[in-house]
Protein backbone atom coordinates (compact mmCIF):
# COMPACT_ATOMS: atom_id res chain seq x y z
CA MET A 1 -11.40 13.00 -3.27
CA ASN A 2 -8.92 11.23 -0.99
CA ASP A 3 -8.10 14.57 0.62
CA ALA A 4 -11.76 15.46 1.00
CA THR A 5 -12.91 12.15 2.48
CA SER A 6 -9.96 11.79 4.88
CA PHE A 7 -9.26 15.50 5.49
CA GLY A 8 -5.78 14.85 4.11
CA VAL A 9 -4.96 12.26 6.78
CA HIS A 10 -4.18 9.62 4.12
CA ARG A 11 -1.01 11.60 3.40
CA LEU A 12 0.11 11.29 7.02
CA TRP A 13 -0.62 7.56 6.98
CA LYS A 14 1.49 7.12 3.84
CA ASP A 15 4.32 9.13 5.40
CA THR A 16 4.19 6.94 8.51
CA PHE A 17 4.04 3.78 6.40
CA VAL A 18 7.15 4.58 4.37
CA SER A 19 9.18 6.03 7.25
CA SER A 20 8.54 2.86 9.28
CA LEU A 21 10.20 0.82 6.50
CA LYS A 22 13.39 2.95 6.54
CA PRO A 23 14.22 2.48 2.84
CA GLY A 24 17.93 2.94 2.19
CA LYS A 25 19.03 2.50 5.79
CA LYS A 26 20.95 -0.70 5.05
CA GLY A 27 22.00 0.26 1.55
CA PRO A 28 20.16 0.60 -1.77
CA LYS A 29 17.04 -1.52 -2.16
CA ARG A 30 15.18 -2.79 -5.18
CA CYS A 31 11.50 -2.12 -4.48
CA ILE A 32 8.21 -2.93 -6.14
CA ASP A 33 5.14 -0.83 -5.35
CA VAL A 34 1.96 -2.61 -6.43
CA ALA A 35 -1.37 -0.85 -7.03
CA GLY A 36 0.73 2.31 -6.83
CA GLY A 37 -0.06 3.94 -10.15
CA THR A 38 -0.28 7.50 -8.84
CA GLY A 39 3.27 7.25 -7.50
CA ASP A 40 2.43 8.39 -3.95
CA ILE A 41 4.39 5.62 -2.24
CA ALA A 42 7.20 5.44 -4.79
CA ILE A 43 7.99 9.15 -4.40
CA ARG A 44 8.02 8.78 -0.64
CA ILE A 45 10.36 5.77 -0.81
CA LEU A 46 12.87 7.57 -3.01
CA ASP A 47 12.65 10.79 -1.01
CA SER A 48 13.07 8.96 2.29
CA ALA A 49 16.12 7.02 1.06
CA ARG A 50 17.74 10.17 -0.30
CA GLU A 51 16.93 12.55 2.55
CA ASN A 52 17.61 10.21 5.46
CA TYR A 53 20.42 8.01 4.17
CA ALA A 54 21.93 9.89 1.18
CA ASP A 55 20.83 6.95 -0.97
CA ARG A 56 20.30 7.75 -4.66
CA GLU A 57 20.44 4.14 -5.84
CA THR A 58 17.30 2.63 -4.32
CA SER A 59 14.82 1.99 -7.13
CA VAL A 60 11.07 1.45 -7.35
CA GLU A 61 9.09 -0.38 -10.02
CA VAL A 62 5.53 0.93 -9.92
CA VAL A 63 2.88 -1.61 -10.91
CA ASP A 64 -0.83 -0.99 -11.47
CA ILE A 65 -3.59 -2.71 -13.42
CA ASN A 66 -5.04 0.68 -14.38
CA GLY A 67 -3.23 2.33 -17.26
CA GLN A 68 -4.76 5.73 -16.56
CA MET A 69 -3.43 5.69 -13.01
CA LEU A 70 0.04 4.87 -14.34
CA LYS A 71 -0.16 7.82 -16.72
CA GLU A 72 -0.97 10.05 -13.75
CA GLY A 73 2.00 8.66 -11.83
CA PHE A 74 4.31 9.19 -14.80
CA ARG A 75 3.05 12.77 -15.13
CA ARG A 76 3.87 13.41 -11.48
CA PHE A 77 7.35 11.94 -11.77
CA LYS A 78 8.11 14.21 -14.73
CA LYS A 79 8.07 17.05 -12.18
CA THR A 80 10.62 15.38 -9.89
CA MET A 81 14.37 14.85 -9.92
CA TYR A 82 13.79 11.14 -10.51
CA HIS A 83 12.37 11.49 -14.01
CA ASN A 84 14.58 9.83 -16.63
CA THR A 85 16.66 8.07 -13.98
CA PRO A 86 16.93 4.31 -13.45
CA GLN A 87 15.34 4.77 -10.03
CA ILE A 88 11.75 4.61 -11.30
CA SER A 89 9.78 2.64 -13.88
CA PHE A 90 6.07 2.02 -14.55
CA HIS A 91 4.41 -1.26 -15.50
CA GLU A 92 0.82 -2.26 -16.24
CA ALA A 93 0.16 -5.64 -14.63
CA ASN A 94 -2.22 -7.56 -12.38
CA ALA A 95 -1.08 -7.95 -8.76
CA GLN A 96 -2.64 -11.42 -8.68
CA ALA A 97 -0.60 -12.72 -11.62
CA LEU A 98 2.55 -10.69 -12.26
CA PRO A 99 4.19 -11.72 -15.57
CA THR A 100 7.02 -14.08 -14.64
CA ASP A 101 9.25 -12.89 -17.49
CA LYS A 102 9.18 -9.32 -16.20
CA PHE A 103 8.79 -9.90 -12.47
CA MET A 104 11.04 -12.82 -11.71
CA ASP A 105 11.33 -14.94 -8.58
CA ASP A 106 13.51 -13.73 -5.69
CA THR A 107 14.09 -10.26 -7.17
CA TYR A 108 12.98 -7.52 -4.76
CA ASP A 109 14.07 -6.39 -1.30
CA LEU A 110 10.80 -4.57 -0.54
CA TYR A 111 7.22 -5.06 -1.76
CA THR A 112 4.71 -2.34 -0.87
CA ILE A 113 0.99 -2.08 -1.49
CA ALA A 114 -1.04 0.82 -0.08
CA PHE A 115 -4.84 0.94 -0.14
CA GLY A 116 -4.87 -1.53 -3.02
CA ILE A 117 -5.08 -5.12 -1.82
CA ARG A 118 -8.62 -4.55 -0.56
CA ASN A 119 -9.79 -4.14 -4.18
CA CYS A 120 -8.24 -7.36 -5.48
CA THR A 121 -10.55 -10.31 -6.07
CA SER A 122 -8.12 -12.80 -4.49
CA ILE A 123 -6.03 -11.57 -1.57
CA PRO A 124 -4.25 -14.95 -1.24
CA ALA A 125 -3.16 -14.72 -4.89
CA VAL A 126 -1.68 -11.26 -4.29
CA LEU A 127 0.17 -12.49 -1.20
CA LYS A 128 1.46 -15.53 -3.09
CA GLU A 129 2.85 -13.32 -5.87
CA ALA A 130 4.41 -10.96 -3.32
CA HIS A 131 6.17 -13.91 -1.71
CA ARG A 132 7.35 -15.19 -5.10
CA VAL A 133 8.99 -11.98 -6.28
CA LEU A 134 10.65 -11.05 -2.98
CA LYS A 135 14.15 -12.21 -2.16
CA PRO A 136 14.58 -14.44 0.90
CA GLY A 137 14.66 -11.98 3.77
CA GLY A 138 12.69 -9.42 1.74
CA THR A 139 9.87 -7.44 3.33
CA PHE A 140 6.18 -7.38 2.41
CA ALA A 141 4.48 -4.20 3.64
CA CYS A 142 0.80 -3.34 3.32
CA LEU A 143 -1.08 -0.20 4.30
CA GLU A 144 -4.82 -0.70 4.29
CA PHE A 145 -8.05 0.42 5.90
CA SER A 146 -8.92 -1.88 8.78
CA ARG A 147 -11.11 -2.42 11.84
CA VAL A 148 -11.48 0.23 14.53
CA ASN A 149 -10.80 -1.18 17.99
CA ASN A 150 -12.58 1.47 20.06
CA PRO A 151 -16.41 1.12 20.21
CA LEU A 152 -17.09 4.87 20.45
CA LEU A 153 -14.67 5.72 17.66
CA GLY A 154 -16.09 2.82 15.65
CA THR A 155 -19.62 4.19 15.93
CA LEU A 156 -18.56 7.69 14.88
CA TYR A 157 -16.48 6.28 12.03
CA ASP A 158 -19.40 4.21 10.74
CA GLN A 159 -21.72 7.20 10.83
CA TYR A 160 -19.21 9.31 8.90
CA SER A 161 -18.42 6.54 6.43
CA PHE A 162 -21.96 5.61 5.45
CA SER A 163 -23.45 9.12 5.59
CA VAL A 164 -20.75 11.61 4.61
CA ILE A 165 -18.38 9.80 2.23
CA PRO A 166 -21.04 8.78 -0.37
CA LEU A 167 -22.45 12.32 -0.16
CA LEU A 168 -19.00 13.81 -0.84
CA GLY A 169 -18.66 11.43 -3.76
CA THR A 170 -21.88 12.77 -5.20
CA ILE A 171 -21.01 16.44 -4.67
CA LEU A 172 -17.32 16.45 -5.60
CA ALA A 173 -17.05 13.63 -8.13
CA GLY A 174 -20.61 13.06 -9.31
CA ASP A 175 -20.15 9.41 -8.40
CA ARG A 176 -21.97 8.17 -5.31
CA ASP A 177 -21.75 4.47 -6.23
CA SER A 178 -17.95 4.32 -6.27
CA TYR A 179 -17.70 5.88 -2.82
CA GLN A 180 -20.46 3.70 -1.47
CA TYR A 181 -18.40 0.75 -2.73
CA LEU A 182 -15.33 2.20 -0.98
CA VAL A 183 -17.11 2.17 2.37
CA GLU A 184 -18.52 -1.31 1.88
CA SER A 185 -15.20 -2.76 0.69
CA ILE A 186 -13.48 -1.49 3.84
CA ARG A 187 -16.01 -3.32 6.02
CA LYS A 188 -15.55 -6.54 4.03
CA PHE A 189 -11.76 -6.54 4.33
CA PRO A 190 -10.44 -9.11 6.84
CA PRO A 191 -9.83 -7.77 10.36
CA GLN A 192 -6.27 -7.44 11.59
CA PRO A 193 -5.79 -10.94 13.10
CA GLU A 194 -7.33 -12.66 10.07
CA PHE A 195 -5.24 -10.72 7.56
CA ALA A 196 -2.07 -11.34 9.59
CA GLN A 197 -2.83 -15.06 9.44
CA MET A 198 -3.28 -14.87 5.67
CA ILE A 199 0.17 -13.25 5.40
CA ARG A 200 1.68 -16.11 7.42
CA GLU A 201 -0.11 -18.70 5.31
CA ALA A 202 1.50 -17.16 2.21
CA GLY A 203 4.91 -18.06 3.65
CA PHE A 204 5.90 -14.93 5.54
CA THR A 205 6.96 -14.63 9.13
CA THR A 206 5.30 -11.69 10.85
CA GLY A 207 7.80 -11.46 13.69
CA ARG A 208 6.98 -9.71 16.95
CA ASP A 209 3.31 -9.22 17.67
CA ILE A 210 2.01 -5.66 17.81
CA ASP A 211 -1.38 -4.76 19.31
CA GLY A 212 -2.08 -8.46 19.81
CA GLY A 213 -1.06 -9.37 16.26
CA ALA A 214 1.59 -8.66 13.65
CA TRP A 215 0.35 -5.21 12.71
CA SER A 216 0.47 -1.56 13.71
CA ASN A 217 -2.81 0.33 13.95
CA LEU A 218 -3.08 3.94 12.81
CA TRP A 219 -5.76 6.17 14.29
CA GLY A 220 -7.27 3.38 16.34
CA GLY A 221 -7.38 0.93 13.46
CA ILE A 222 -8.99 3.12 10.79
CA ALA A 223 -5.87 2.22 8.85
CA CYS A 224 -3.26 -0.41 9.61
CA VAL A 225 0.28 -1.38 8.59
CA HIS A 226 1.01 -5.09 8.16
CA THR A 227 4.49 -6.43 7.47
CA GLY A 228 5.97 -9.85 6.83
CA VAL A 229 9.40 -11.17 5.97
CA LYS A 230 9.94 -13.88 3.36
CA ILE A 231 11.38 -16.96 5.01
């Protein structure tokens, strides 16, 4: 369904997201990918580190609250060179309250969450946990749907979102309600400046402003990359 509703563009956004983080450039990193059960981001992190920097030591701990999604991610990784290596592991846990015995303070160099924070009931709780588990100097990186900054594009996007996406959900998945929720949840997510402020309030510095705030818009703001560094 992601391919159908975005015409496959979500794959390009994920590629851009991971490549912008340059995993492995400054040596092996310990990463945590939250709400990443399918393994899309984790595979990209490991591939990017290996292909661009000959790094086979960077590792990713994939975390998701949905056990079925984790099973799908594990199935995918069984087809890759990373299966049965210490570079990947899967954990069922809530992003808003990661178990402190398993996900300890000041542990990770990179925390990623792609198209997942929007579905959490408390965004501040997720950001607080991200700050807790990252090492000082570690990077928080979020890829999420956001607000379109061009009025014409915004109008076209709204028409597509509210008319076509629920219809595709009905035809392809037999589930209109879930895709109606998808559209509505995107509109309820904080706009770029507000979300950037939430990241700062969690204790991160967002560094140089981009597009008027600490973010990088993709496709005019349909999606957006936010980053912060733990102080």
